[in-house]
């Protein structure tokens, strides 16, 4: 088997490939603001004293919330 056969395929159809969570939060915040994010995704990091830093901390350890944020990003900017 050659090296080219063992390489993983690129993720050209994945809109999140190469996009950092901080960029996702910044772009969604720019589009909706904290109140708009809180109304779309019911998590305290968007409702109570929101910041990019606190959102990153929460979303990195809470997969279900990160999934919702990533889906909102895809729905907002790629559909």
PDB file of N, CA and C in Angstrom:
ATOM      1  N   UNK A   1       0.848  -1.179   0.000  1.00  0.00           N
ATOM      2  CA  UNK A   1       0.000   0.000   0.000  1.00  0.00           C
ATOM      3  C   UNK A   1       0.890   1.237   0.000  1.00  0.00           C
ATOM      4  N   UNK A   2       0.638   2.174  -0.901  1.00  0.00           N
ATOM      5  CA  UNK A   2       1.453   3.386  -0.972  1.00  0.00           C
ATOM      6  C   UNK A   2       0.980   4.397   0.049  1.00  0.00           C
ATOM      7  N   UNK A   3       1.791   5.414   0.279  1.00  0.00           N
ATOM      8  CA  UNK A   3       1.434   6.455   1.230  1.00  0.00           C
ATOM      9  C   UNK A   3       0.164   7.189   0.833  1.00  0.00           C
ATOM     10  N   UNK A   4      -0.056   7.381  -0.456  1.00  0.00           N
ATOM     11  CA  UNK A   4      -1.239   8.113  -0.896  1.00  0.00           C
ATOM     12  C   UNK A   4      -2.525   7.350  -0.584  1.00  0.00           C
ATOM     13  N   UNK A   5      -2.442   6.032  -0.471  1.00  0.00           N
ATOM     14  CA  UNK A   5      -3.628   5.247  -0.160  1.00  0.00           C
ATOM     15  C   UNK A   5      -3.945   5.255   1.327  1.00  0.00           C
ATOM     16  N   UNK A   6      -2.983   5.600   2.170  1.00  0.00           N
ATOM     17  CA  UNK A   6      -3.220   5.588   3.605  1.00  0.00           C
ATOM     18  C   UNK A   6      -3.634   6.951   4.143  1.00  0.00           C
ATOM     19  N   UNK A   7      -3.570   8.003   3.322  1.00  0.00           N
ATOM     20  CA  UNK A   7      -3.963   9.326   3.779  1.00  0.00           C
ATOM     21  C   UNK A   7      -5.468   9.398   3.958  1.00  0.00           C
ATOM     22  N   UNK A   8      -5.884  10.121   4.976  1.00  0.00           N
ATOM     23  CA  UNK A   8      -7.315  10.302   5.201  1.00  0.00           C
ATOM     24  C   UNK A   8      -7.853  11.310   4.194  1.00  0.00           C
ATOM     25  N   UNK A   9      -9.087  11.148   3.773  1.00  0.00           N
ATOM     26  CA  UNK A   9      -9.655  12.108   2.825  1.00  0.00           C
ATOM     27  C   UNK A   9      -9.840  13.475   3.487  1.00  0.00           C
ATOM     28  N   UNK A  10      -9.746  14.527   2.698  1.00  0.00           N
ATOM     29  CA  UNK A  10      -9.961  15.861   3.249  1.00  0.00           C
ATOM     30  C   UNK A  10     -11.435  16.049   3.550  1.00  0.00           C
ATOM     31  N   UNK A  11     -11.722  17.027   4.371  1.00  0.00           N
ATOM     32  CA  UNK A  11     -13.099  17.266   4.791  1.00  0.00           C
ATOM     33  C   UNK A  11     -13.688  18.452   4.033  1.00  0.00           C
ATOM     34  N   UNK A  12     -13.663  18.369   2.709  1.00  0.00           N
ATOM     35  CA  UNK A  12     -14.123  19.491   1.901  1.00  0.00           C
ATOM     36  C   UNK A  12     -15.614  19.779   2.062  1.00  0.00           C
ATOM     37  N   UNK A  13     -16.387  18.799   2.478  1.00  0.00           N
ATOM     38  CA  UNK A  13     -17.821  19.005   2.658  1.00  0.00           C
ATOM     39  C   UNK A  13     -18.198  19.377   4.084  1.00  0.00           C
ATOM     40  N   UNK A  14     -17.220  19.526   4.965  1.00  0.00           N
ATOM     41  CA  UNK A  14     -17.478  19.879   6.354  1.00  0.00           C
ATOM     42  C   UNK A  14     -17.234  21.376   6.534  1.00  0.00           C
ATOM     43  N   UNK A  15     -18.299  22.185   6.701  1.00  0.00           N
ATOM     44  CA  UNK A  15     -18.116  23.633   6.822  1.00  0.00           C
ATOM     45  C   UNK A  15     -17.376  24.036   8.098  1.00  0.00           C
ATOM     46  N   UNK A  16     -17.266  23.143   9.068  1.00  0.00           N
ATOM     47  CA  UNK A  16     -16.573  23.462  10.321  1.00  0.00           C
ATOM     48  C   UNK A  16     -15.095  23.100  10.284  1.00  0.00           C
ATOM     49  N   UNK A  17     -14.653  22.440   9.220  1.00  0.00           N
ATOM     50  CA  UNK A  17     -13.254  22.020   9.129  1.00  0.00           C
ATOM     51  C   UNK A  17     -12.340  23.244   9.127  1.00  0.00           C
ATOM     52  N   UNK A  18     -11.445  23.296  10.091  1.00  0.00           N
ATOM     53  CA  UNK A  18     -10.489  24.394  10.189  1.00  0.00           C
ATOM     54  C   UNK A  18     -11.022  25.648  10.846  1.00  0.00           C
ATOM     55  N   UNK A  19     -12.263  25.625  11.296  1.00  0.00           N
ATOM     56  CA  UNK A  19     -12.862  26.793  11.942  1.00  0.00           C
ATOM     57  C   UNK A  19     -12.738  26.629  13.446  1.00  0.00           C
ATOM     58  N   UNK A  20     -12.120  27.594  14.089  1.00  0.00           N
ATOM     59  CA  UNK A  20     -11.928  27.525  15.542  1.00  0.00           C
ATOM     60  C   UNK A  20     -13.198  27.963  16.268  1.00  0.00           C
ATOM     61  N   UNK A  21     -13.403  27.388  17.437  1.00  0.00           N
ATOM     62  CA  UNK A  21     -14.585  27.707  18.240  1.00  0.00           C
ATOM     63  C   UNK A  21     -14.654  29.201  18.543  1.00  0.00           C
ATOM     64  N   UNK A  22     -13.526  29.829  18.812  1.00  0.00           N
ATOM     65  CA  UNK A  22     -13.525  31.269  19.099  1.00  0.00           C
ATOM     66  C   UNK A  22     -14.057  32.069  17.904  1.00  0.00           C
ATOM     67  N   UNK A  23     -13.697  31.666  16.709  1.00  0.00           N
ATOM     68  CA  UNK A  23     -14.191  32.348  15.514  1.00  0.00           C
ATOM     69  C   UNK A  23     -15.697  32.165  15.367  1.00  0.00           C
ATOM     70  N   UNK A  24     -16.175  30.961  15.670  1.00  0.00           N
ATOM     71  CA  UNK A  24     -17.616  30.690  15.602  1.00  0.00           C
ATOM     72  C   UNK A  24     -18.363  31.611  16.553  1.00  0.00           C
ATOM     73  N   UNK A  25     -17.882  31.708  17.785  1.00  0.00           N
ATOM     74  CA  UNK A  25     -18.542  32.559  18.778  1.00  0.00           C
ATOM     75  C   UNK A  25     -18.509  34.019  18.341  1.00  0.00           C
ATOM     76  N   UNK A  26     -17.352  34.474  17.884  1.00  0.00           N
ATOM     77  CA  UNK A  26     -17.240  35.873  17.457  1.00  0.00           C
ATOM     78  C   UNK A  26     -18.173  36.200  16.294  1.00  0.00           C
ATOM     79  N   UNK A  27     -18.263  35.308  15.319  1.00  0.00           N
ATOM     80  CA  UNK A  27     -19.131  35.566  14.168  1.00  0.00           C
ATOM     81  C   UNK A  27     -20.606  35.521  14.551  1.00  0.00           C
ATOM     82  N   UNK A  28     -20.977  34.555  15.399  1.00  0.00           N
ATOM     83  CA  UNK A  28     -22.370  34.493  15.844  1.00  0.00           C
ATOM     84  C   UNK A  28     -22.717  35.700  16.713  1.00  0.00           C
ATOM     85  N   UNK A  29     -21.801  36.110  17.577  1.00  0.00           N
ATOM     86  CA  UNK A  29     -22.033  37.293  18.410  1.00  0.00           C
ATOM     87  C   UNK A  29     -22.182  38.540  17.532  1.00  0.00           C
ATOM     88  N   UNK A  30     -21.360  38.649  16.500  1.00  0.00           N
ATOM     89  CA  UNK A  30     -21.469  39.782  15.591  1.00  0.00           C
ATOM     90  C   UNK A  30     -22.804  39.817  14.862  1.00  0.00           C
ATOM     91  N   UNK A  31     -23.335  38.665  14.555  1.00  0.00           N
ATOM     92  CA  UNK A  31     -24.608  38.586  13.825  1.00  0.00           C
ATOM     93  C   UNK A  31     -25.814  38.770  14.747  1.00  0.00           C
ATOM     94  N   UNK A  32     -25.809  38.088  15.899  1.00  0.00           N
ATOM     95  CA  UNK A  32     -26.994  38.061  16.760  1.00  0.00           C
ATOM     96  C   UNK A  32     -26.865  38.848  18.062  1.00  0.00           C
ATOM     97  N   UNK A  33     -25.643  39.114  18.517  1.00  0.00           N
ATOM     98  CA  UNK A  33     -25.453  39.708  19.841  1.00  0.00           C
ATOM     99  C   UNK A  33     -25.679  38.659  20.918  1.00  0.00           C
ATOM    100  N   UNK A  34     -25.357  38.998  22.145  1.00  0.00           N
ATOM    101  CA  UNK A  34     -25.516  38.025  23.245  1.00  0.00           C
ATOM    102  C   UNK A  34     -26.976  37.692  23.484  1.00  0.00           C
ATOM    103  N   UNK A  35     -27.850  38.705  23.414  1.00  0.00           N
ATOM    104  CA  UNK A  35     -29.278  38.448  23.641  1.00  0.00           C
ATOM    105  C   UNK A  35     -29.854  37.527  22.567  1.00  0.00           C
ATOM    106  N   UNK A  36     -29.445  37.737  21.331  1.00  0.00           N
ATOM    107  CA  UNK A  36     -29.911  36.891  20.239  1.00  0.00           C
ATOM    108  C   UNK A  36     -29.415  35.462  20.372  1.00  0.00           C
ATOM    109  N   UNK A  37     -28.162  35.308  20.809  1.00  0.00           N
ATOM    110  CA  UNK A  37     -27.634  33.960  21.034  1.00  0.00           C
ATOM    111  C   UNK A  37     -28.372  33.284  22.179  1.00  0.00           C
ATOM    112  N   UNK A  38     -28.615  34.030  23.250  1.00  0.00           N
ATOM    113  CA  UNK A  38     -29.307  33.464  24.415  1.00  0.00           C
ATOM    114  C   UNK A  38     -30.733  33.038  24.056  1.00  0.00           C
ATOM    115  N   UNK A  39     -31.375  33.768  23.160  1.00  0.00           N
ATOM    116  CA  UNK A  39     -32.736  33.396  22.779  1.00  0.00           C
ATOM    117  C   UNK A  39     -32.752  32.171  21.865  1.00  0.00           C
ATOM    118  N   UNK A  40     -31.662  31.954  21.143  1.00  0.00           N
ATOM    119  CA  UNK A  40     -31.581  30.803  20.239  1.00  0.00           C
ATOM    120  C   UNK A  40     -31.040  29.551  20.917  1.00  0.00           C
ATOM    121  N   UNK A  41     -30.113  29.747  21.864  1.00  0.00           N
ATOM    122  CA  UNK A  41     -29.507  28.630  22.588  1.00  0.00           C
ATOM    123  C   UNK A  41     -29.553  28.982  24.074  1.00  0.00           C
ATOM    124  N   UNK A  42     -30.330  28.237  24.826  1.00  0.00           N
ATOM    125  CA  UNK A  42     -30.580  28.544  26.231  1.00  0.00           C
ATOM    126  C   UNK A  42     -29.448  28.018  27.124  1.00  0.00           C
ATOM    127  N   UNK A  43     -28.356  28.778  27.172  1.00  0.00           N
ATOM    128  CA  UNK A  43     -27.239  28.442  28.064  1.00  0.00           C
ATOM    129  C   UNK A  43     -26.816  29.705  28.801  1.00  0.00           C
ATOM    130  N   UNK A  44     -26.420  29.549  30.050  1.00  0.00           N
ATOM    131  CA  UNK A  44     -26.076  30.696  30.878  1.00  0.00           C
ATOM    132  C   UNK A  44     -24.878  31.486  30.369  1.00  0.00           C
ATOM    133  N   UNK A  45     -23.962  30.849  29.642  1.00  0.00           N
ATOM    134  CA  UNK A  45     -22.790  31.584  29.172  1.00  0.00           C
ATOM    135  C   UNK A  45     -23.181  32.680  28.176  1.00  0.00           C
ATOM    136  N   UNK A  46     -24.381  32.619  27.603  1.00  0.00           N
ATOM    137  CA  UNK A  46     -24.872  33.670  26.725  1.00  0.00           C
ATOM    138  C   UNK A  46     -25.834  34.616  27.442  1.00  0.00           C
ATOM    139  N   UNK A  47     -26.328  34.216  28.632  1.00  0.00           N
ATOM    140  CA  UNK A  47     -27.338  35.004  29.337  1.00  0.00           C
ATOM    141  C   UNK A  47     -26.784  35.793  30.511  1.00  0.00           C
ATOM    142  N   UNK A  48     -25.901  35.200  31.275  1.00  0.00           N
ATOM    143  CA  UNK A  48     -25.435  35.805  32.519  1.00  0.00           C
ATOM    144  C   UNK A  48     -23.992  36.294  32.374  1.00  0.00           C
ATOM    145  N   UNK A  49     -23.818  37.606  32.262  1.00  0.00           N
ATOM    146  CA  UNK A  49     -22.499  38.231  32.119  1.00  0.00           C
ATOM    147  C   UNK A  49     -21.682  37.571  31.001  1.00  0.00           C
ATOM    148  N   UNK A  50     -22.208  37.575  29.774  1.00  0.00           N
ATOM    149  CA  UNK A  50     -21.564  36.842  28.673  1.00  0.00           C
ATOM    150  C   UNK A  50     -20.254  37.473  28.213  1.00  0.00           C
ATOM    151  N   UNK A  51     -19.353  36.618  27.790  1.00  0.00           N
ATOM    152  CA  UNK A  51     -18.101  37.047  27.167  1.00  0.00           C
ATOM    153  C   UNK A  51     -17.610  35.904  26.290  1.00  0.00           C
ATOM    154  N   UNK A  52     -16.712  36.220  25.387  1.00  0.00           N
ATOM    155  CA  UNK A  52     -16.143  35.177  24.534  1.00  0.00           C
ATOM    156  C   UNK A  52     -15.382  34.185  25.400  1.00  0.00           C
ATOM    157  N   UNK A  53     -14.610  34.696  26.362  1.00  0.00           N
ATOM    158  CA  UNK A  53     -13.792  33.828  27.213  1.00  0.00           C
ATOM    159  C   UNK A  53     -14.650  32.847  28.011  1.00  0.00           C
ATOM    160  N   UNK A  54     -15.717  33.339  28.648  1.00  0.00           N
ATOM    161  CA  UNK A  54     -16.565  32.440  29.445  1.00  0.00           C
ATOM    162  C   UNK A  54     -17.305  31.452  28.554  1.00  0.00           C
ATOM    163  N   UNK A  55     -17.691  31.897  27.366  1.00  0.00           N
ATOM    164  CA  UNK A  55     -18.374  31.002  26.434  1.00  0.00           C
ATOM    165  C   UNK A  55     -17.445  29.892  25.969  1.00  0.00           C
ATOM    166  N   UNK A  56     -16.203  30.253  25.639  1.00  0.00           N
ATOM    167  CA  UNK A  56     -15.228  29.245  25.228  1.00  0.00           C
ATOM    168  C   UNK A  56     -15.019  28.202  26.321  1.00  0.00           C
ATOM    169  N   UNK A  57     -14.860  28.673  27.545  1.00  0.00           N
ATOM    170  CA  UNK A  57     -14.623  27.759  28.670  1.00  0.00           C
ATOM    171  C   UNK A  57     -15.780  26.780  28.823  1.00  0.00           C
ATOM    172  N   UNK A  58     -17.009  27.293  28.772  1.00  0.00           N
ATOM    173  CA  UNK A  58     -18.181  26.445  28.934  1.00  0.00           C
ATOM    174  C   UNK A  58     -18.349  25.482  27.762  1.00  0.00           C
ATOM    175  N   UNK A  59     -18.245  25.995  26.549  1.00  0.00           N
ATOM    176  CA  UNK A  59     -18.509  25.177  25.371  1.00  0.00           C
ATOM    177  C   UNK A  59     -17.454  24.103  25.149  1.00  0.00           C
ATOM    178  N   UNK A  60     -16.231  24.345  25.607  1.00  0.00           N
ATOM    179  CA  UNK A  60     -15.184  23.338  25.450  1.00  0.00           C
ATOM    180  C   UNK A  60     -15.406  22.130  26.351  1.00  0.00           C
ATOM    181  N   UNK A  61     -16.140  22.321  27.438  1.00  0.00           N
ATOM    182  CA  UNK A  61     -16.366  21.180  28.327  1.00  0.00           C
ATOM    183  C   UNK A  61     -17.801  20.656  28.297  1.00  0.00           C
ATOM    184  N   UNK A  62     -18.670  21.271  27.485  1.00  0.00           N
ATOM    185  CA  UNK A  62     -20.070  20.870  27.423  1.00  0.00           C
ATOM    186  C   UNK A  62     -20.435  20.576  25.969  1.00  0.00           C
ATOM    187  N   UNK A  63     -20.293  19.315  25.581  1.00  0.00           N
ATOM    188  CA  UNK A  63     -20.422  18.940  24.176  1.00  0.00           C
ATOM    189  C   UNK A  63     -21.802  19.226  23.597  1.00  0.00           C
ATOM    190  N   UNK A  64     -22.880  18.977  24.354  1.00  0.00           N
ATOM    191  CA  UNK A  64     -24.217  19.195  23.803  1.00  0.00           C
ATOM    192  C   UNK A  64     -24.426  20.666  23.445  1.00  0.00           C
ATOM    193  N   UNK A  65     -23.897  21.565  24.272  1.00  0.00           N
ATOM    194  CA  UNK A  65     -24.043  23.000  23.997  1.00  0.00           C
ATOM    195  C   UNK A  65     -23.177  23.403  22.801  1.00  0.00           C
ATOM    196  N   UNK A  66     -21.977  22.850  22.732  1.00  0.00           N
ATOM    197  CA  UNK A  66     -21.094  23.135  21.591  1.00  0.00           C
ATOM    198  C   UNK A  66     -21.741  22.663  20.291  1.00  0.00           C
ATOM    199  N   UNK A  67     -22.370  21.494  20.330  1.00  0.00           N
ATOM    200  CA  UNK A  67     -23.058  20.983  19.146  1.00  0.00           C
ATOM    201  C   UNK A  67     -24.137  21.956  18.673  1.00  0.00           C
ATOM    202  N   UNK A  68     -24.885  22.528  19.610  1.00  0.00           N
ATOM    203  CA  UNK A  68     -25.940  23.482  19.258  1.00  0.00           C
ATOM    204  C   UNK A  68     -25.349  24.760  18.658  1.00  0.00           C
ATOM    205  N   UNK A  69     -24.247  25.232  19.224  1.00  0.00           N
ATOM    206  CA  UNK A  69     -23.593  26.440  18.710  1.00  0.00           C
ATOM    207  C   UNK A  69     -23.049  26.185  17.311  1.00  0.00           C
ATOM    208  N   UNK A  70     -22.407  25.045  17.123  1.00  0.00           N
ATOM    209  CA  UNK A  70     -21.869  24.708  15.800  1.00  0.00           C
ATOM    210  C   UNK A  70     -22.988  24.567  14.774  1.00  0.00           C
ATOM    211  N   UNK A  71     -24.110  23.975  15.158  1.00  0.00           N
ATOM    212  CA  UNK A  71     -25.236  23.835  14.243  1.00  0.00           C
ATOM    213  C   UNK A  71     -25.823  25.199  13.889  1.00  0.00           C
ATOM    214  N   UNK A  72     -25.928  26.091  14.867  1.00  0.00           N
ATOM    215  CA  UNK A  72     -26.424  27.438  14.590  1.00  0.00           C
ATOM    216  C   UNK A  72     -25.486  28.152  13.615  1.00  0.00           C
ATOM    217  N   UNK A  73     -24.193  27.973  13.787  1.00  0.00           N
ATOM    218  CA  UNK A  73     -23.209  28.579  12.890  1.00  0.00           C
ATOM    219  C   UNK A  73     -23.401  28.078  11.462  1.00  0.00           C
ATOM    220  N   UNK A  74     -23.525  26.767  11.303  1.00  0.00           N
ATOM    221  CA  UNK A  74     -23.716  26.183   9.975  1.00  0.00           C
ATOM    222  C   UNK A  74     -25.033  26.677   9.370  1.00  0.00           C
ATOM    223  N   UNK A  75     -26.112  26.657  10.161  1.00  0.00           N
ATOM    224  CA  UNK A  75     -27.415  27.094   9.666  1.00  0.00           C
ATOM    225  C   UNK A  75     -27.394  28.570   9.276  1.00  0.00           C
ATOM    226  N   UNK A  76     -26.653  29.367  10.005  1.00  0.00           N
ATOM    227  CA  UNK A  76     -26.616  30.807   9.771  1.00  0.00           C
ATOM    228  C   UNK A  76     -25.772  31.177   8.560  1.00  0.00           C
ATOM    229  N   UNK A  77     -24.611  30.567   8.438  1.00  0.00           N
ATOM    230  CA  UNK A  77     -23.651  31.019   7.432  1.00  0.00           C
ATOM    231  C   UNK A  77     -23.483  30.098   6.235  1.00  0.00           C
ATOM    232  N   UNK A  78     -24.064  28.908   6.269  1.00  0.00           N
ATOM    233  CA  UNK A  78     -23.857  27.958   5.177  1.00  0.00           C
ATOM    234  C   UNK A  78     -25.123  27.416   4.543  1.00  0.00           C
ATOM    235  N   UNK A  79     -26.281  27.906   4.931  1.00  0.00           N
ATOM    236  CA  UNK A  79     -27.512  27.380   4.326  1.00  0.00           C
ATOM    237  C   UNK A  79     -28.238  28.450   3.562  1.00  0.00           C
TER     238      UNK A  79
END
